[in-house]
C-alpha atoms as a PDB file:
ATOM      1  CA  MET A   1    -231.569  80.186 151.882  1.00  0.00           C
ATOM      2  CA  TYR A   2    -234.933  81.809 151.292  1.00  0.00           C
ATOM      3  CA  LYS A   3    -235.023  85.577 151.276  1.00  0.00           C
ATOM      4  CA  HIS A   4    -238.795  85.694 151.142  1.00  0.00           C
ATOM      5  CA  LEU A   5    -241.559  83.840 152.901  1.00  0.00           C
ATOM      6  CA  PRO A   6    -241.061  80.030 152.678  1.00  0.00           C
ATOM      7  CA  LEU A   7    -242.899  78.553 149.721  1.00  0.00           C
ATOM      8  CA  CYS A   8    -245.399  76.649 151.829  1.00  0.00           C
ATOM      9  CA  LEU A   9    -246.502  79.888 153.501  1.00  0.00           C
ATOM     10  CA  ILE A  10    -246.643  81.884 150.337  1.00  0.00           C
ATOM     11  CA  LEU A  11    -248.464  79.340 148.313  1.00  0.00           C
ATOM     12  CA  THR A  12    -250.696  77.286 150.573  1.00  0.00           C
ATOM     13  CA  ILE A  13    -253.834  79.414 150.054  1.00  0.00           C
ATOM     14  CA  LEU A  14    -253.021  81.615 147.064  1.00  0.00           C
ATOM     15  CA  MET A  15    -254.332  79.390 144.359  1.00  0.00           C
ATOM     16  CA  LEU A  16    -257.939  79.964 145.593  1.00  0.00           C
ATOM     17  CA  TYR A  17    -258.596  83.392 144.071  1.00  0.00           C
ATOM     18  CA  PHE A  18    -261.709  82.706 142.166  1.00  0.00           C
ATOM     19  CA  ALA A  19    -265.245  81.568 142.620  1.00  0.00           C
ATOM     20  CA  SER A  20    -268.853  82.412 141.959  1.00  0.00           C
ATOM     21  CA  PRO A  21    -271.387  83.124 144.697  1.00  0.00           C
ATOM     22  CA  VAL A  22    -272.616  80.102 146.606  1.00  0.00           C
ATOM     23  CA  ALA A  23    -276.263  79.540 145.770  1.00  0.00           C
ATOM     24  CA  ALA A  24    -277.895  78.816 149.107  1.00  0.00           C
ATOM     25  CA  ALA A  25    -281.019  79.899 150.918  1.00  0.00           C
ATOM     26  CA  SER A  26    -279.055  80.668 154.076  1.00  0.00           C
ATOM     27  CA  PRO A  27    -275.596  82.250 154.370  1.00  0.00           C
ATOM     28  CA  PRO A  28    -272.872  79.684 153.664  1.00  0.00           C
ATOM     29  CA  THR A  29    -270.664  78.521 156.482  1.00  0.00           C
ATOM     30  CA  PRO A  30    -266.925  79.283 156.375  1.00  0.00           C
ATOM     31  CA  GLU A  31    -266.267  75.661 155.451  1.00  0.00           C
ATOM     32  CA  GLN A  32    -268.740  75.873 152.575  1.00  0.00           C
ATOM     33  CA  GLN A  33    -267.123  79.071 151.333  1.00  0.00           C
ATOM     34  CA  VAL A  34    -263.660  77.507 151.349  1.00  0.00           C
ATOM     35  CA  THR A  35    -264.984  74.384 149.615  1.00  0.00           C
ATOM     36  CA  GLN A  36    -266.646  76.445 146.894  1.00  0.00           C
ATOM     37  CA  LEU A  37    -263.477  78.487 146.365  1.00  0.00           C
ATOM     38  CA  GLN A  38    -261.408  75.387 145.826  1.00  0.00           C
ATOM     39  CA  LYS A  39    -264.023  73.708 143.659  1.00  0.00           C
ATOM     40  CA  GLN A  40    -264.123  76.674 141.300  1.00  0.00           C
ATOM     41  CA  TYR A  41    -260.352  76.941 141.350  1.00  0.00           C
ATOM     42  CA  GLN A  42    -259.920  73.362 140.210  1.00  0.00           C
ATOM     43  CA  GLN A  43    -261.916  74.154 137.065  1.00  0.00           C
ATOM     44  CA  LEU A  44    -259.322  76.672 135.905  1.00  0.00           C
ATOM     45  CA  HIS A  45    -256.489  75.799 133.535  1.00  0.00           C
ATOM     46  CA  SER A  46    -254.540  78.997 134.249  1.00  0.00           C
ATOM     47  CA  LEU A  47    -254.354  81.745 136.854  1.00  0.00           C
ATOM     48  CA  GLU A  48    -252.206  84.889 136.816  1.00  0.00           C
ATOM     49  CA  PHE A  49    -251.976  87.805 139.248  1.00  0.00           C
ATOM     50  CA  ASN A  50    -249.764  90.533 140.669  1.00  0.00           C
ATOM     51  CA  PHE A  51    -249.090  90.698 144.381  1.00  0.00           C
ATOM     52  CA  SER A  52    -247.669  92.987 147.032  1.00  0.00           C
ATOM     53  CA  GLN A  53    -246.270  91.547 150.245  1.00  0.00           C
ATOM     54  CA  THR A  54    -245.856  93.061 153.713  1.00  0.00           C
ATOM     55  CA  THR A  55    -243.919  91.109 156.332  1.00  0.00           C
ATOM     56  CA  GLN A  56    -243.681  92.087 159.994  1.00  0.00           C
ATOM     57  CA  ASN A  57    -241.122  90.271 162.132  1.00  0.00           C
ATOM     58  CA  SER A  58    -239.857  91.432 165.533  1.00  0.00           C
ATOM     59  CA  GLY A  59    -241.167  94.919 164.886  1.00  0.00           C
ATOM     60  CA  ARG A  60    -239.457  95.230 161.504  1.00  0.00           C
ATOM     61  CA  ILE A  61    -241.500  95.622 158.325  1.00  0.00           C
ATOM     62  CA  LYS A  62    -240.396  94.575 154.831  1.00  0.00           C
ATOM     63  CA  GLN A  63    -242.170  95.137 151.529  1.00  0.00           C
ATOM     64  CA  GLY A  64    -242.121  93.039 148.371  1.00  0.00           C
ATOM     65  CA  THR A  65    -243.867  92.885 145.000  1.00  0.00           C
ATOM     66  CA  GLY A  66    -244.129  90.445 142.144  1.00  0.00           C
ATOM     67  CA  ASN A  67    -246.319  88.334 139.914  1.00  0.00           C
ATOM     68  CA  ALA A  68    -247.294  84.672 139.723  1.00  0.00           C
ATOM     69  CA  VAL A  69    -248.609  82.141 137.213  1.00  0.00           C
ATOM     70  CA  PHE A  70    -250.360  78.818 137.753  1.00  0.00           C
ATOM     71  CA  TYR A  71    -250.718  76.648 134.662  1.00  0.00           C
ATOM     72  CA  ARG A  72    -252.391  73.256 134.515  1.00  0.00           C
ATOM     73  CA  LEU A  73    -250.785  70.642 132.273  1.00  0.00           C
ATOM     74  CA  THR A  74    -253.588  68.083 132.390  1.00  0.00           C
ATOM     75  CA  ASP A  75    -257.321  68.302 131.879  1.00  0.00           C
ATOM     76  CA  THR A  76    -259.300  69.587 134.862  1.00  0.00           C
ATOM     77  CA  SER A  77    -261.367  66.381 134.862  1.00  0.00           C
ATOM     78  CA  SER A  78    -258.311  64.123 135.212  1.00  0.00           C
ATOM     79  CA  PRO A  79    -258.096  61.911 138.318  1.00  0.00           C
ATOM     80  CA  PRO A  80    -256.274  63.628 141.216  1.00  0.00           C
ATOM     81  CA  SER A  81    -253.366  61.173 141.075  1.00  0.00           C
ATOM     82  CA  THR A  82    -252.616  62.098 137.441  1.00  0.00           C
ATOM     83  CA  LYS A  83    -253.052  65.867 137.600  1.00  0.00           C
ATOM     84  CA  GLN A  84    -250.023  68.031 136.907  1.00  0.00           C
ATOM     85  CA  GLY A  85    -249.335  71.735 136.884  1.00  0.00           C
ATOM     86  CA  ILE A  86    -246.682  74.433 137.100  1.00  0.00           C
ATOM     87  CA  MET A  87    -246.515  77.218 139.650  1.00  0.00           C
ATOM     88  CA  ARG A  88    -244.098  80.108 139.156  1.00  0.00           C
ATOM     89  CA  TRP A  89    -243.555  83.060 141.508  1.00  0.00           C
ATOM     90  CA  ASN A  90    -241.474  86.017 140.373  1.00  0.00           C
ATOM     91  CA  TYR A  91    -240.408  88.483 143.062  1.00  0.00           C
ATOM     92  CA  THR A  92    -239.594  91.744 141.294  1.00  0.00           C
ATOM     93  CA  GLY A  93    -239.016  94.079 144.231  1.00  0.00           C
ATOM     94  CA  ALA A  94    -235.739  95.124 145.864  1.00  0.00           C
ATOM     95  CA  LEU A  95    -234.643  91.489 146.118  1.00  0.00           C
ATOM     96  CA  GLU A  96    -235.373  89.412 143.027  1.00  0.00           C
ATOM     97  CA  GLN A  97    -236.250  85.753 143.424  1.00  0.00           C
ATOM     98  CA  THR A  98    -237.948  83.103 141.281  1.00  0.00           C
ATOM     99  CA  ILE A  99    -239.726  80.055 142.703  1.00  0.00           C
ATOM    100  CA  ILE A 100    -240.868  77.236 140.403  1.00  0.00           C
ATOM    101  CA  ASN A 101    -242.720  74.056 141.343  1.00  0.00           C
ATOM    102  CA  ASP A 102    -243.472  71.612 138.510  1.00  0.00           C
ATOM    103  CA  GLY A 103    -244.800  68.889 140.809  1.00  0.00           C
ATOM    104  CA  THR A 104    -241.527  66.983 140.719  1.00  0.00           C
ATOM    105  CA  THR A 105    -238.928  69.638 141.482  1.00  0.00           C
ATOM    106  CA  LEU A 106    -238.970  72.836 143.516  1.00  0.00           C
ATOM    107  CA  SER A 107    -236.443  75.436 142.307  1.00  0.00           C
ATOM    108  CA  ILE A 108    -235.622  78.672 144.143  1.00  0.00           C
ATOM    109  CA  TYR A 109    -233.267  81.076 142.369  1.00  0.00           C
ATOM    110  CA  THR A 110    -231.887  84.203 144.073  1.00  0.00           C
ATOM    111  CA  PRO A 111    -229.783  86.257 141.606  1.00  0.00           C
ATOM    112  CA  GLU A 112    -228.251  88.476 144.302  1.00  0.00           C
ATOM    113  CA  ASP A 113    -226.777  85.431 146.044  1.00  0.00           C
ATOM    114  CA  LYS A 114    -226.022  83.664 142.747  1.00  0.00           C
ATOM    115  CA  GLN A 115    -227.681  80.638 144.284  1.00  0.00           C
ATOM    116  CA  LEU A 116    -230.154  78.084 142.940  1.00  0.00           C
ATOM    117  CA  ILE A 117    -231.697  75.640 145.415  1.00  0.00           C
ATOM    118  CA  ILE A 118    -233.275  72.506 143.917  1.00  0.00           C
ATOM    119  CA  SER A 119    -235.362  70.141 146.048  1.00  0.00           C
ATOM    120  CA  PRO A 120    -237.673  67.193 145.302  1.00  0.00           C
ATOM    121  CA  ALA A 121    -241.158  68.670 145.514  1.00  0.00           C
ATOM    122  CA  HIS A 122    -242.645  65.455 146.917  1.00  0.00           C
ATOM    123  CA  ASP A 123    -240.234  65.579 149.876  1.00  0.00           C
ATOM    124  CA  LEU A 124    -241.466  68.969 151.089  1.00  0.00           C
ATOM    125  CA  LYS A 125    -244.005  67.834 153.643  1.00  0.00           C
ATOM    126  CA  THR A 126    -244.853  71.412 154.610  1.00  0.00           C
ATOM    127  CA  ASP A 127    -245.629  72.455 151.031  1.00  0.00           C
ATOM    128  CA  ILE A 128    -249.188  71.389 150.249  1.00  0.00           C
ATOM    129  CA  THR A 129    -249.651  74.059 147.581  1.00  0.00           C
ATOM    130  CA  TYR A 130    -249.042  71.905 144.552  1.00  0.00           C
ATOM    131  CA  ALA A 131    -251.483  69.271 145.784  1.00  0.00           C
ATOM    132  CA  ILE A 132    -254.179  71.885 146.316  1.00  0.00           C
ATOM    133  CA  PHE A 133    -253.566  73.432 142.901  1.00  0.00           C
ATOM    134  CA  THR A 134    -253.910  70.078 141.178  1.00  0.00           C
ATOM    135  CA  GLY A 135    -256.834  69.037 143.355  1.00  0.00           C
ATOM    136  CA  THR A 136    -255.185  66.142 145.188  1.00  0.00           C
ATOM    137  CA  LYS A 137    -255.935  67.626 148.628  1.00  0.00           C
ATOM    138  CA  LYS A 138    -258.865  69.551 150.058  1.00  0.00           C
ATOM    139  CA  LEU A 139    -258.342  72.667 152.143  1.00  0.00           C
ATOM    140  CA  VAL A 140    -261.106  71.671 154.538  1.00  0.00           C
ATOM    141  CA  ASP A 141    -259.210  68.438 155.190  1.00  0.00           C
ATOM    142  CA  GLU A 142    -256.071  70.393 156.080  1.00  0.00           C
ATOM    143  CA  PHE A 143    -257.619  73.387 157.881  1.00  0.00           C
ATOM    144  CA  ILE A 144    -260.453  74.193 160.274  1.00  0.00           C
ATOM    145  CA  ALA A 145    -262.480  77.056 158.788  1.00  0.00           C
ATOM    146  CA  ALA A 146    -264.086  79.645 161.081  1.00  0.00           C
ATOM    147  CA  GLN A 147    -265.390  83.194 160.935  1.00  0.00           C
ATOM    148  CA  GLY A 148    -262.655  85.779 160.483  1.00  0.00           C
ATOM    149  CA  ASP A 149    -260.968  87.275 163.541  1.00  0.00           C
ATOM    150  CA  ALA A 150    -261.473  91.056 163.462  1.00  0.00           C
ATOM    151  CA  SER A 151    -258.401  91.569 165.677  1.00  0.00           C
ATOM    152  CA  PHE A 152    -256.091  89.563 163.403  1.00  0.00           C
ATOM    153  CA  LEU A 153    -254.801  92.355 161.149  1.00  0.00           C
ATOM    154  CA  LEU A 154    -251.606  93.767 159.704  1.00  0.00           C
ATOM    155  CA  ASN A 155    -253.114  96.395 157.387  1.00  0.00           C
ATOM    156  CA  GLU A 156    -256.747  97.454 157.529  1.00  0.00           C
ATOM    157  CA  PRO A 157    -258.675  95.709 154.714  1.00  0.00           C
ATOM    158  CA  PRO A 158    -261.581  97.332 152.832  1.00  0.00           C
ATOM    159  CA  LYS A 159    -264.760  97.322 154.880  1.00  0.00           C
ATOM    160  CA  ASP A 160    -266.823  95.557 152.214  1.00  0.00           C
ATOM    161  CA  LEU A 161    -264.846  92.298 152.453  1.00  0.00           C
ATOM    162  CA  GLU A 162    -265.799  89.111 154.275  1.00  0.00           C
ATOM    163  CA  SER A 163    -263.178  86.995 156.037  1.00  0.00           C
ATOM    164  CA  VAL A 164    -262.458  83.401 157.021  1.00  0.00           C
ATOM    165  CA  LEU A 165    -259.868  82.152 159.514  1.00  0.00           C
ATOM    166  CA  LEU A 166    -258.050  78.875 158.733  1.00  0.00           C
ATOM    167  CA  THR A 167    -256.214  76.893 161.412  1.00  0.00           C
ATOM    168  CA  PRO A 168    -254.255  73.701 160.617  1.00  0.00           C
ATOM    169  CA  ARG A 169    -256.035  70.580 161.810  1.00  0.00           C
ATOM    170  CA  GLN A 170    -252.688  68.998 162.629  1.00  0.00           C
ATOM    171  CA  PRO A 171    -249.677  70.853 164.102  1.00  0.00           C
ATOM    172  CA  HIS A 172    -247.849  72.577 161.246  1.00  0.00           C
ATOM    173  CA  PRO A 173    -244.130  73.413 161.549  1.00  0.00           C
ATOM    174  CA  GLN A 174    -244.578  76.886 160.054  1.00  0.00           C
ATOM    175  CA  ILE A 175    -248.222  77.911 159.825  1.00  0.00           C
ATOM    176  CA  LYS A 176    -250.106  78.958 162.960  1.00  0.00           C
ATOM    177  CA  ARG A 177    -253.125  80.506 161.243  1.00  0.00           C
ATOM    178  CA  VAL A 178    -254.197  82.079 157.951  1.00  0.00           C
ATOM    179  CA  GLN A 179    -256.926  84.640 157.344  1.00  0.00           C
ATOM    180  CA  LEU A 180    -258.569  85.299 153.971  1.00  0.00           C
ATOM    181  CA  TRP A 181    -260.458  88.427 152.968  1.00  0.00           C
ATOM    182  CA  PHE A 182    -262.738  88.093 149.947  1.00  0.00           C
ATOM    183  CA  THR A 183    -265.459  89.891 148.059  1.00  0.00           C
ATOM    184  CA  SER A 184    -269.142  88.990 147.993  1.00  0.00           C
ATOM    185  CA  SER A 185    -268.429  87.002 144.818  1.00  0.00           C
ATOM    186  CA  LEU A 186    -265.764  85.000 146.699  1.00  0.00           C
ATOM    187  CA  ILE A 187    -262.755  86.567 145.005  1.00  0.00           C
ATOM    188  CA  ILE A 188    -259.844  86.630 147.464  1.00  0.00           C
ATOM    189  CA  ASP A 189    -258.489  90.143 147.870  1.00  0.00           C
ATOM    190  CA  ARG A 190    -255.757  89.394 150.404  1.00  0.00           C
ATOM    191  CA  LEU A 191    -254.535  86.951 153.007  1.00  0.00           C
ATOM    192  CA  LEU A 192    -252.606  87.196 156.254  1.00  0.00           C
ATOM    193  CA  MET A 193    -250.416  84.390 157.596  1.00  0.00           C
ATOM    194  CA  GLU A 194    -248.836  84.047 161.032  1.00  0.00           C
ATOM    195  CA  ASP A 195    -246.111  81.603 162.048  1.00  0.00           C
ATOM    196  CA  HIS A 196    -245.369  80.175 165.483  1.00  0.00           C
ATOM    197  CA  PHE A 197    -242.888  82.978 166.248  1.00  0.00           C
ATOM    198  CA  GLY A 198    -245.429  85.741 165.704  1.00  0.00           C
ATOM    199  CA  ALA A 199    -244.108  86.819 162.287  1.00  0.00           C
ATOM    200  CA  MET A 200    -246.940  87.910 159.989  1.00  0.00           C
ATOM    201  CA  THR A 201    -247.057  88.169 156.209  1.00  0.00           C
ATOM    202  CA  GLU A 202    -249.842  89.817 154.258  1.00  0.00           C
ATOM    203  CA  LEU A 203    -250.347  89.335 150.516  1.00  0.00           C
ATOM    204  CA  LYS A 204    -252.567  91.657 148.492  1.00  0.00           C
ATOM    205  CA  PHE A 205    -253.668  90.442 145.039  1.00  0.00           C
ATOM    206  CA  THR A 206    -254.376  92.606 141.995  1.00  0.00           C
ATOM    207  CA  ASN A 207    -254.852  92.233 138.240  1.00  0.00           C
ATOM    208  CA  ILE A 208    -256.153  88.679 138.544  1.00  0.00           C
ATOM    209  CA  ARG A 209    -256.543  86.882 135.190  1.00  0.00           C
ATOM    210  CA  LEU A 210    -258.478  83.632 134.964  1.00  0.00           C
ATOM    211  CA  ASN A 211    -257.948  81.219 132.051  1.00  0.00           C
ATOM    212  CA  ALA A 212    -256.148  83.930 130.066  1.00  0.00           C
ATOM    213  CA  LEU A 213    -253.504  81.496 128.815  1.00  0.00           C
ATOM    214  CA  GLN A 214    -254.130  79.064 125.978  1.00  0.00           C
ATOM    215  CA  ARG A 215    -254.500  75.394 126.870  1.00  0.00           C
ATOM    216  CA  GLY A 216    -251.678  73.064 125.876  1.00  0.00           C
ATOM    217  CA  ASP A 217    -249.242  75.861 125.001  1.00  0.00           C
ATOM    218  CA  ARG A 218    -245.867  74.071 124.938  1.00  0.00           C
ATOM    219  CA  GLN A 219    -243.961  77.299 124.396  1.00  0.00           C
ATOM    220  CA  LYS A 220    -245.569  78.804 127.508  1.00  0.00           C
ATOM    221  CA  VAL A 221    -244.652  75.717 129.518  1.00  0.00           C
ATOM    222  CA  GLN A 222    -241.009  76.105 128.477  1.00  0.00           C
ATOM    223  CA  LEU A 223    -241.033  79.770 129.463  1.00  0.00           C
ATOM    224  CA  LEU A 224    -242.563  79.020 132.858  1.00  0.00           C
ATOM    225  CA  LEU A 225    -239.853  76.449 133.577  1.00  0.00           C
ATOM    226  CA  GLN A 226    -236.987  78.550 132.255  1.00  0.00           C
ATOM    227  CA  LEU A 227    -234.384  79.999 134.639  1.00  0.00           C
ATOM    228  CA  ASN A 228    -231.716  82.285 133.204  1.00  0.00           C
ATOM    229  CA  THR A 229    -229.084  81.876 135.892  1.00  0.00           C
ATOM    230  CA  ALA A 230    -226.062  84.151 135.995  1.00  0.00           C
ATOM    231  CA  PRO A 231    -222.565  82.761 135.341  1.00  0.00           C
ATOM    232  CA  GLY A 232    -221.067  81.347 138.505  1.00  0.00           C
ATOM    233  CA  THR A 233    -224.423  80.564 140.115  1.00  0.00           C
ATOM    234  CA  GLU A 234    -224.074  77.960 142.875  1.00  0.00           C
ATOM    235  CA  ILE A 235    -226.477  75.050 142.497  1.00  0.00           C
ATOM    236  CA  ILE A 236    -227.482  73.389 145.775  1.00  0.00           C
ATOM    237  CA  ARG A 237    -229.377  70.105 145.519  1.00  0.00           C
ATOM    238  CA  GLN A 238    -231.241  68.960 148.587  1.00  0.00           C
END
């Protein structure tokens, strides 16, 4: 099974890296900030970044690193029901793992285990990431946004960052709360997620590239979907 944080926890907020300052006479509310982040995000056709991950569970700490790509297949102005995109996460640390969601299928490949898990993406009720990336769901519909909790920390963030705390509106099987730290220009620097068992995972984002990939690049789409599995890899279909 998964060696890293479940996809829904890793991905639920990560696609919201970008934004421009909210033009308002008074400081924006947390809900307005989250709305603006997602609005700007939905105008992108590609997003790339590197990440480092720290997970604390029962007093044990694990580290991970990697990179991710989000690539939109349809025009940003397309109706929500027709939008499509690809999300690919490459863990490159001590334990390699690749996670791909093309909107139809979720694939998780772990070379060390020689195991590839394939699931219908639409059946993963806890994974709302793809819908958010394509714009079919709004974060403020899924989460209650509030001012950040200064005591909710794993690693001390830079002092010049603002924060927002997100709590699921409906009971979520894995997510208890999520906190975002972002710059004054609403660029997310990191996030911290906690599950119902007290396990916490922090993701720090670096080298963020917006719209760096060419639109409609069929070769890039093929590369994003490609998995070079080792001989003898077990394929598990769920």
